[in-house]
Each structure stands twice: as C-alpha cells, then as structure tokens.
C-alpha cells in the first residue's frame, strides 16, 4: 500500500515519466517498518529515477513487488542514463551527489532506513539504458 501511495503521488505530478506497477498477485506484504520512513524510501527512489531520465526521452518507471524466499522485494527500474562506473561505489555515501542540486543525502538516508528495518538495498545499472534499485525486506512472521 505504501508503494502504491508513493507511485500515486509521482504519477499525478510527473509529466515526464509513466509509472507501471506490477504486484505479482501479492495483495499484502507484511514487514516490520515505519510507514512514514518507507514512504521516504520510495519517494526518494522514484524522484531519483525520474531525474535520471534525459530530457529527450519519455520516462518509464517500472515498480515490481515480488517475493523471494522469506523476503519481499521491490524493484524500481528506470530507463535513464545509468550510473557511471566511477561513481558506482559512492552511490550510498553521505554527501555524494552527481546532481547540480541537493546535498547527496537521499540514497544514504534510504540505505539507513532500509537497513534499520533489517532490509537490504542494491542496484544494477546499464550505461545509457537505466538502473534498477532493489529493496528487500524480511516478511513479518506471525
């Protein structure tokens, strides 16, 4: 639900990108996390995805929810420029940014929130084709 709420916010306000959400038949994904913090995670990932898309390209952000073993995984895939090899290792470092604005705290904050919830975050990138960020959270056991 939090993911869909965040998508709704961006879908309504973004003229440059289309969002596609695939839940793979998962109607609920119970995890141990603060709803507001999760919203920050997805807002940041969606904002970064939109900003990674060049002006001459129609943006497409694909958000996929899946279940892998005992974890729920959300993938956020953009069709942007990709992440350069030389900055690959700095992406989650505080105060690092490739943008002309912002302080470079977004992905560091996202990583901190995800790991506080016993989750993991990683990415795969293809220069010129886009990047996929993966966020994995353990399923809340009853």
Protein backbone atom coordinates (compact mmCIF):
# COMPACT_ATOMS: atom_id res chain seq x y z
CA UNK A 1 0.00 0.00 0.00
CA UNK A 2 2.83 2.42 0.83
CA UNK A 3 4.48 1.74 -2.52
CA UNK A 4 1.23 2.34 -4.39
CA UNK A 5 0.62 5.57 -2.46
CA UNK A 6 4.06 6.87 -3.41
CA UNK A 7 3.52 5.89 -7.04
CA UNK A 8 0.21 7.76 -7.00
CA UNK A 9 1.89 10.94 -5.79
CA UNK A 10 4.51 10.83 -8.54
CA UNK A 11 2.21 9.63 -11.28
CA UNK A 12 -0.09 12.58 -10.76
CA UNK A 13 2.71 15.15 -10.63
CA UNK A 14 5.19 13.86 -13.21
CA UNK A 15 4.65 14.96 -16.79
CA UNK A 16 7.91 13.35 -17.95
CA UNK A 17 7.51 9.76 -16.79
CA UNK A 18 4.96 6.97 -16.78
CA UNK A 19 4.76 4.59 -13.85
CA UNK A 20 3.92 0.90 -14.20
CA UNK A 21 3.25 -1.18 -11.07
CA UNK A 22 3.28 -4.98 -11.01
CA UNK A 23 2.33 -6.68 -7.74
CA UNK A 24 2.67 -10.27 -9.00
CA UNK A 25 -0.58 -11.16 -7.25
CA UNK A 26 0.72 -10.09 -3.84
CA UNK A 27 -2.12 -8.25 -2.10
CA UNK A 28 -0.30 -7.75 1.21
CA UNK A 29 3.38 -7.58 2.10
CA UNK A 30 3.63 -7.53 5.90
CA UNK A 31 7.02 -6.19 7.02
CA UNK A 32 8.32 -4.50 10.16
CA UNK A 33 8.84 -0.88 9.16
CA UNK A 34 7.61 2.63 9.88
CA UNK A 35 5.11 3.72 7.22
CA UNK A 36 6.48 7.29 7.03
CA UNK A 37 10.06 6.07 6.68
CA UNK A 38 9.03 3.64 3.94
CA UNK A 39 7.31 6.47 2.12
CA UNK A 40 10.60 8.40 2.29
CA UNK A 41 12.43 5.43 0.79
CA UNK A 42 10.11 5.13 -2.18
CA UNK A 43 9.72 8.88 -2.69
CA UNK A 44 13.49 9.18 -2.90
CA UNK A 45 13.92 6.22 -5.24
CA UNK A 46 11.12 7.47 -7.54
CA UNK A 47 12.48 11.04 -7.57
CA UNK A 48 15.96 9.78 -8.43
CA UNK A 49 14.55 7.54 -11.17
CA UNK A 50 12.72 10.47 -12.77
CA UNK A 51 15.79 12.71 -12.51
CA UNK A 52 17.96 10.05 -14.19
CA UNK A 53 15.93 10.22 -17.40
CA UNK A 54 17.32 12.55 -20.08
CA UNK A 55 15.07 15.38 -21.28
CA UNK A 56 14.82 13.96 -24.80
CA UNK A 57 13.44 10.59 -23.57
CA UNK A 58 9.97 9.71 -22.29
CA UNK A 59 10.46 8.30 -18.83
CA UNK A 60 9.24 4.87 -17.83
CA UNK A 61 9.49 3.79 -14.21
CA UNK A 62 8.63 0.14 -13.59
CA UNK A 63 7.94 -0.81 -9.98
CA UNK A 64 7.66 -4.52 -9.23
CA UNK A 65 6.77 -6.28 -5.98
CA UNK A 66 7.89 -9.89 -5.67
CA UNK A 67 8.52 -12.49 -3.02
CA UNK A 68 11.91 -14.20 -2.84
CA UNK A 69 12.24 -16.83 -0.15
CA UNK A 70 11.15 -15.08 3.05
CA UNK A 71 11.66 -11.56 1.69
CA UNK A 72 9.53 -9.06 -0.15
CA UNK A 73 11.50 -7.28 -2.87
CA UNK A 74 10.54 -4.03 -4.56
CA UNK A 75 12.39 -3.24 -7.78
CA UNK A 76 12.39 0.32 -9.14
CA UNK A 77 13.59 0.32 -12.74
CA UNK A 78 14.10 3.46 -14.82
CA UNK A 79 15.05 4.00 -18.45
CA UNK A 80 17.53 6.72 -17.60
CA UNK A 81 21.21 7.22 -18.30
CA UNK A 82 22.53 4.58 -15.90
CA UNK A 83 25.21 5.03 -13.25
CA UNK A 84 28.80 5.67 -14.32
CA UNK A 85 31.41 3.11 -13.28
CA UNK A 86 33.50 5.71 -11.46
CA UNK A 87 30.66 6.57 -9.03
CA UNK A 88 29.35 3.03 -8.58
CA UNK A 89 30.96 2.59 -5.14
CA UNK A 90 29.92 6.04 -3.88
CA UNK A 91 26.17 5.86 -4.52
CA UNK A 92 25.21 5.23 -0.87
CA UNK A 93 27.90 7.50 0.66
CA UNK A 94 26.55 10.56 2.52
CA UNK A 95 27.17 13.93 0.81
CA UNK A 96 27.93 12.34 -2.56
CA UNK A 97 25.86 13.59 -5.49
CA UNK A 98 26.08 13.69 -9.27
CA UNK A 99 23.40 16.39 -9.46
CA UNK A 100 23.73 20.15 -9.52
CA UNK A 101 21.27 20.47 -6.63
CA UNK A 102 20.69 18.54 -3.44
CA UNK A 103 23.13 17.54 -0.75
CA UNK A 104 23.69 13.89 -1.61
CA UNK A 105 21.88 12.60 1.44
CA UNK A 106 18.99 10.82 -0.27
CA UNK A 107 20.41 7.38 -1.01
CA UNK A 108 22.47 7.37 2.19
CA UNK A 109 19.24 8.03 4.12
CA UNK A 110 17.39 5.36 2.10
CA UNK A 111 20.10 2.80 2.88
CA UNK A 112 19.98 3.70 6.58
CA UNK A 113 16.17 3.32 6.73
CA UNK A 114 16.20 0.03 4.82
CA UNK A 115 18.95 -1.47 6.98
CA UNK A 116 17.24 -0.28 10.18
CA UNK A 117 14.29 -2.45 9.09
CA UNK A 118 16.68 -5.43 8.60
CA UNK A 119 16.39 -4.92 4.87
CA UNK A 120 18.89 -4.70 2.03
CA UNK A 121 19.29 -2.34 -0.90
CA UNK A 122 21.34 -2.78 -4.06
CA UNK A 123 21.26 -1.79 -7.70
CA UNK A 124 22.07 -2.92 -11.20
CA UNK A 125 22.81 -0.43 -13.94
CA UNK A 126 23.36 -0.33 -17.67
CA UNK A 127 25.06 2.75 -19.10
CA UNK A 128 22.65 4.59 -21.38
CA UNK A 129 19.75 2.22 -20.64
CA UNK A 130 18.86 2.73 -17.00
CA UNK A 131 19.15 1.48 -13.44
CA UNK A 132 17.16 -0.82 -11.21
CA UNK A 133 17.24 -0.34 -7.44
CA UNK A 134 16.16 -3.32 -5.36
CA UNK A 135 14.87 -3.01 -1.81
CA UNK A 136 14.36 -6.23 0.14
CA UNK A 137 12.58 -6.57 3.49
CA UNK A 138 12.08 -9.74 5.54
CA UNK A 139 8.49 -10.92 5.73
CA UNK A 140 6.95 -10.26 9.12
CA UNK A 141 6.44 -13.65 10.75
CA UNK A 142 3.40 -14.09 12.93
